[in-house]
Amino acid sequence: MSTAELKKKLIAQINDTDNDDLLSEISTMLYIESKSVNGVYQMSDAEREAVEEGIRQIENGQWITNEEANKHIEEWLKNKDYNS
């Protein structure tokens, strides 16, 4: 299948779906591809700053385990008011 044929097939499939999760994943994949050069993702200045801040937090002992994070998320979801 040629690239042009594959594009047509994908466009038709995208047009036929109402699956928001699938469309979101496709959008994410295309965004990542558009931000890469020679297969390497190029971070924006804001992304680079966020990573550097995360590294500083780890170096300063400001982190929690995955289990602790999951507990925080579960608690937040229990207390979240979905009607507002």
Protein backbone atom coordinates (compact mmCIF):
# COMPACT_ATOMS: atom_id res chain seq x y z
CA MET A 1 0.00 0.00 0.00
CA SER A 2 1.41 3.37 -0.97
CA THR A 3 1.66 6.29 1.43
CA ALA A 4 -1.10 8.12 -0.44
CA GLU A 5 -3.41 5.08 -0.23
CA LEU A 6 -2.69 4.64 3.47
CA LYS A 7 -3.46 8.32 4.13
CA LYS A 8 -6.79 8.02 2.29
CA LYS A 9 -7.67 4.87 4.26
CA LEU A 10 -6.78 6.51 7.59
CA ILE A 11 -8.72 9.68 6.76
CA ALA A 12 -11.79 7.59 5.92
CA GLN A 13 -11.47 5.63 9.18
CA ILE A 14 -11.05 8.83 11.19
CA ASN A 15 -14.10 10.34 9.53
CA ASP A 16 -16.12 7.21 10.35
CA THR A 17 -15.29 7.04 14.06
CA ASP A 18 -16.93 8.83 16.97
CA ASN A 19 -14.53 7.32 19.51
CA ASP A 20 -13.17 10.39 21.34
CA ASP A 21 -10.46 8.38 23.11
CA LEU A 22 -9.17 6.98 19.83
CA LEU A 23 -9.23 10.40 18.16
CA SER A 24 -7.38 11.91 21.11
CA GLU A 25 -4.68 9.23 20.90
CA ILE A 26 -4.28 9.78 17.16
CA SER A 27 -4.02 13.52 17.76
CA THR A 28 -1.35 12.99 20.41
CA MET A 29 0.65 10.70 18.14
CA LEU A 30 0.51 13.18 15.28
CA TYR A 31 1.50 16.05 17.59
CA ILE A 32 4.52 14.12 18.88
CA GLU A 33 5.53 13.22 15.33
CA SER A 34 5.26 16.86 14.26
CA LYS A 35 7.56 17.90 17.14
CA SER A 36 10.31 15.41 16.27
CA VAL A 37 13.43 15.92 14.20
CA ASN A 38 15.09 12.78 12.88
CA GLY A 39 12.90 10.71 15.21
CA VAL A 40 13.89 12.69 18.33
CA TYR A 41 11.20 14.67 20.16
CA GLN A 42 12.08 18.35 20.51
CA MET A 43 10.94 19.81 23.83
CA SER A 44 9.67 23.35 24.03
CA ASP A 45 11.30 25.78 26.47
CA ALA A 46 8.31 25.32 28.82
CA GLU A 47 8.65 21.51 28.71
CA ARG A 48 12.39 21.74 29.32
CA GLU A 49 11.82 24.06 32.30
CA ALA A 50 9.21 21.67 33.74
CA VAL A 51 11.66 18.74 33.49
CA GLU A 52 14.42 20.78 35.11
CA GLU A 53 12.04 21.78 37.94
CA GLY A 54 11.15 18.11 38.43
CA ILE A 55 14.82 17.18 38.64
CA ARG A 56 15.40 19.93 41.25
CA GLN A 57 12.45 18.63 43.28
CA ILE A 58 13.85 15.09 43.24
CA GLU A 59 17.29 16.35 44.25
CA ASN A 60 15.65 18.20 47.18
CA GLY A 61 13.76 15.09 48.31
CA GLN A 62 10.41 16.50 47.18
CA TRP A 63 8.86 13.35 45.76
CA ILE A 64 6.40 10.61 46.66
CA THR A 65 6.11 6.98 45.63
CA ASN A 66 3.74 5.79 42.94
CA GLU A 67 1.60 4.17 45.63
CA GLU A 68 1.37 7.45 47.55
CA ALA A 69 0.47 9.32 44.37
CA ASN A 70 -2.29 6.79 43.62
CA LYS A 71 -3.68 7.26 47.15
CA HIS A 72 -3.72 11.03 46.67
CA ILE A 73 -5.52 10.64 43.35
CA GLU A 74 -8.08 8.23 44.80
CA GLU A 75 -8.76 10.61 47.69
CA TRP A 76 -9.07 13.57 45.33
CA LEU A 77 -11.50 11.65 43.13
CA LYS A 78 -13.63 10.68 46.16
CA ASN A 79 -13.84 14.30 47.26
CA LYS A 80 -14.29 15.78 43.77
CA ASP A 81 -17.66 17.44 43.28
CA TYR A 82 -18.67 16.39 39.78
CA ASN A 83 -21.80 18.56 39.87
CA SER A 84 -20.02 21.91 39.87
